[in-house]
Amino acid sequence: MGIQAAAGTANRLCFLEFAEHLTAVMPEPQLVETLVQQGLTLSATAGGELERSCWMVVHEHHHGVKPTEYDIREIDEELYLAVLEAARAAV
């Protein structure tokens, strides 16, 4: 095997290891629907702030507690986007 072929194989393996972590996992539809309903309910009482309300319910689901005022803990972004998209479609 030549030097170029070995380098190409090494690059391919590195890419495959990297890409393995990027595989999107679709959230469970029942979970999304439950969080959408919670987000819509919260949004109705929070002056229609749908994005914020969806973020808050996903945060509570992910961490088990409601977020504090300046909470910067990460949430499951794929789940948040799925909830927000479904909530927007439901409005």
C-alpha atoms as a PDB file:
ATOM      1  CA  MET A   1       0.000   0.000   0.000  1.00  0.00           C
ATOM      2  CA  GLY A   2       1.393   3.383  -0.982  1.00  0.00           C
ATOM      3  CA  ILE A   3       1.719   6.378   1.295  1.00  0.00           C
ATOM      4  CA  GLN A   4      -1.215   8.150  -0.391  1.00  0.00           C
ATOM      5  CA  ALA A   5      -3.479   5.105  -0.033  1.00  0.00           C
ATOM      6  CA  ALA A   6      -2.565   4.750   3.637  1.00  0.00           C
ATOM      7  CA  ALA A   7      -3.274   8.435   4.247  1.00  0.00           C
ATOM      8  CA  GLY A   8      -6.605   8.146   2.438  1.00  0.00           C
ATOM      9  CA  THR A   9      -7.594   5.134   4.526  1.00  0.00           C
ATOM     10  CA  ALA A  10      -6.611   6.915   7.750  1.00  0.00           C
ATOM     11  CA  ASN A  11      -8.627  10.016   6.746  1.00  0.00           C
ATOM     12  CA  ARG A  12     -11.662   7.879   5.918  1.00  0.00           C
ATOM     13  CA  LEU A  13     -11.511   6.134   9.300  1.00  0.00           C
ATOM     14  CA  CYS A  14     -11.194   9.453  11.116  1.00  0.00           C
ATOM     15  CA  PHE A  15     -14.182  10.827   9.224  1.00  0.00           C
ATOM     16  CA  LEU A  16     -16.302   7.744   9.952  1.00  0.00           C
ATOM     17  CA  GLU A  17     -15.492   7.970  13.669  1.00  0.00           C
ATOM     18  CA  PHE A  18     -16.399  11.664  13.633  1.00  0.00           C
ATOM     19  CA  ALA A  19     -19.612  11.214  11.614  1.00  0.00           C
ATOM     20  CA  GLU A  20     -20.793   8.396  13.881  1.00  0.00           C
ATOM     21  CA  HIS A  21     -21.595  11.010  16.536  1.00  0.00           C
ATOM     22  CA  LEU A  22     -23.548  13.189  14.095  1.00  0.00           C
ATOM     23  CA  THR A  23     -26.234  10.646  13.308  1.00  0.00           C
ATOM     24  CA  ALA A  24     -29.520  12.339  14.131  1.00  0.00           C
ATOM     25  CA  VAL A  25     -31.885  10.408  16.333  1.00  0.00           C
ATOM     26  CA  MET A  26     -35.481  11.411  15.848  1.00  0.00           C
ATOM     27  CA  PRO A  27     -37.320  12.080  19.104  1.00  0.00           C
ATOM     28  CA  GLU A  28     -40.210   9.778  19.980  1.00  0.00           C
ATOM     29  CA  PRO A  29     -43.481  11.142  18.529  1.00  0.00           C
ATOM     30  CA  GLN A  30     -45.405  10.602  21.798  1.00  0.00           C
ATOM     31  CA  LEU A  31     -42.793  12.566  23.762  1.00  0.00           C
ATOM     32  CA  VAL A  32     -42.868  15.373  21.210  1.00  0.00           C
ATOM     33  CA  GLU A  33     -46.677  15.537  21.368  1.00  0.00           C
ATOM     34  CA  THR A  34     -46.665  15.604  25.175  1.00  0.00           C
ATOM     35  CA  LEU A  35     -44.117  18.426  25.230  1.00  0.00           C
ATOM     36  CA  VAL A  36     -45.986  20.320  22.493  1.00  0.00           C
ATOM     37  CA  GLN A  37     -49.152  20.292  24.599  1.00  0.00           C
ATOM     38  CA  GLN A  38     -47.210  21.508  27.642  1.00  0.00           C
ATOM     39  CA  GLY A  39     -45.516  24.201  25.544  1.00  0.00           C
ATOM     40  CA  LEU A  40     -48.806  25.428  24.072  1.00  0.00           C
ATOM     41  CA  THR A  41     -50.382  25.578  27.525  1.00  0.00           C
ATOM     42  CA  LEU A  42     -47.425  27.502  28.922  1.00  0.00           C
ATOM     43  CA  SER A  43     -47.353  29.803  25.894  1.00  0.00           C
ATOM     44  CA  ALA A  44     -51.029  30.677  26.382  1.00  0.00           C
ATOM     45  CA  THR A  45     -50.300  31.847  29.925  1.00  0.00           C
ATOM     46  CA  ALA A  46     -46.982  33.531  29.015  1.00  0.00           C
ATOM     47  CA  GLY A  47     -48.254  36.005  26.454  1.00  0.00           C
ATOM     48  CA  GLY A  48     -47.741  33.788  23.419  1.00  0.00           C
ATOM     49  CA  GLU A  49     -43.976  33.287  23.717  1.00  0.00           C
ATOM     50  CA  LEU A  50     -43.967  29.964  21.859  1.00  0.00           C
ATOM     51  CA  GLU A  51     -40.191  29.586  21.368  1.00  0.00           C
ATOM     52  CA  ARG A  52     -39.455  30.328  25.023  1.00  0.00           C
ATOM     53  CA  SER A  53     -42.264  28.086  26.246  1.00  0.00           C
ATOM     54  CA  CYS A  54     -41.096  25.160  24.117  1.00  0.00           C
ATOM     55  CA  TRP A  55     -37.525  25.670  25.344  1.00  0.00           C
ATOM     56  CA  MET A  56     -38.737  25.681  28.949  1.00  0.00           C
ATOM     57  CA  VAL A  57     -40.690  22.415  28.681  1.00  0.00           C
ATOM     58  CA  VAL A  58     -37.813  20.677  26.889  1.00  0.00           C
ATOM     59  CA  HIS A  59     -35.427  21.977  29.574  1.00  0.00           C
ATOM     60  CA  GLU A  60     -37.690  20.648  32.316  1.00  0.00           C
ATOM     61  CA  HIS A  61     -37.942  17.286  30.561  1.00  0.00           C
ATOM     62  CA  HIS A  62     -34.166  17.082  30.075  1.00  0.00           C
ATOM     63  CA  HIS A  63     -33.038  18.276  33.539  1.00  0.00           C
ATOM     64  CA  GLY A  64     -36.068  17.380  35.658  1.00  0.00           C
ATOM     65  CA  VAL A  65     -36.565  20.952  36.898  1.00  0.00           C
ATOM     66  CA  LYS A  66     -37.863  24.201  35.486  1.00  0.00           C
ATOM     67  CA  PRO A  67     -35.100  26.520  34.262  1.00  0.00           C
ATOM     68  CA  THR A  68     -33.957  29.429  36.395  1.00  0.00           C
ATOM     69  CA  GLU A  69     -33.889  32.955  35.006  1.00  0.00           C
ATOM     70  CA  TYR A  70     -30.354  32.736  33.585  1.00  0.00           C
ATOM     71  CA  ASP A  71     -30.107  28.975  33.134  1.00  0.00           C
ATOM     72  CA  ILE A  72     -27.522  28.127  30.481  1.00  0.00           C
ATOM     73  CA  ARG A  73     -27.546  24.338  30.756  1.00  0.00           C
ATOM     74  CA  GLU A  74     -27.749  22.596  27.413  1.00  0.00           C
ATOM     75  CA  ILE A  75     -30.872  20.832  26.202  1.00  0.00           C
ATOM     76  CA  ASP A  76     -31.523  18.270  23.478  1.00  0.00           C
ATOM     77  CA  GLU A  77     -31.583  20.584  20.468  1.00  0.00           C
ATOM     78  CA  GLU A  78     -33.147  17.989  18.143  1.00  0.00           C
ATOM     79  CA  LEU A  79     -35.993  17.514  20.612  1.00  0.00           C
ATOM     80  CA  TYR A  80     -36.449  21.267  21.035  1.00  0.00           C
ATOM     81  CA  LEU A  81     -36.621  21.814  17.269  1.00  0.00           C
ATOM     82  CA  ALA A  82     -39.096  18.941  16.843  1.00  0.00           C
ATOM     83  CA  VAL A  83     -41.301  20.334  19.623  1.00  0.00           C
ATOM     84  CA  LEU A  84     -41.119  23.885  18.263  1.00  0.00           C
ATOM     85  CA  GLU A  85     -41.941  22.777  14.711  1.00  0.00           C
ATOM     86  CA  ALA A  86     -44.923  20.724  15.874  1.00  0.00           C
ATOM     87  CA  ALA A  87     -46.128  23.527  18.155  1.00  0.00           C
ATOM     88  CA  ARG A  88     -45.963  26.049  15.305  1.00  0.00           C
ATOM     89  CA  ALA A  89     -47.935  23.664  13.102  1.00  0.00           C
ATOM     90  CA  ALA A  90     -50.566  23.273  15.816  1.00  0.00           C
ATOM     91  CA  VAL A  91     -51.134  27.027  16.221  1.00  0.00           C
END
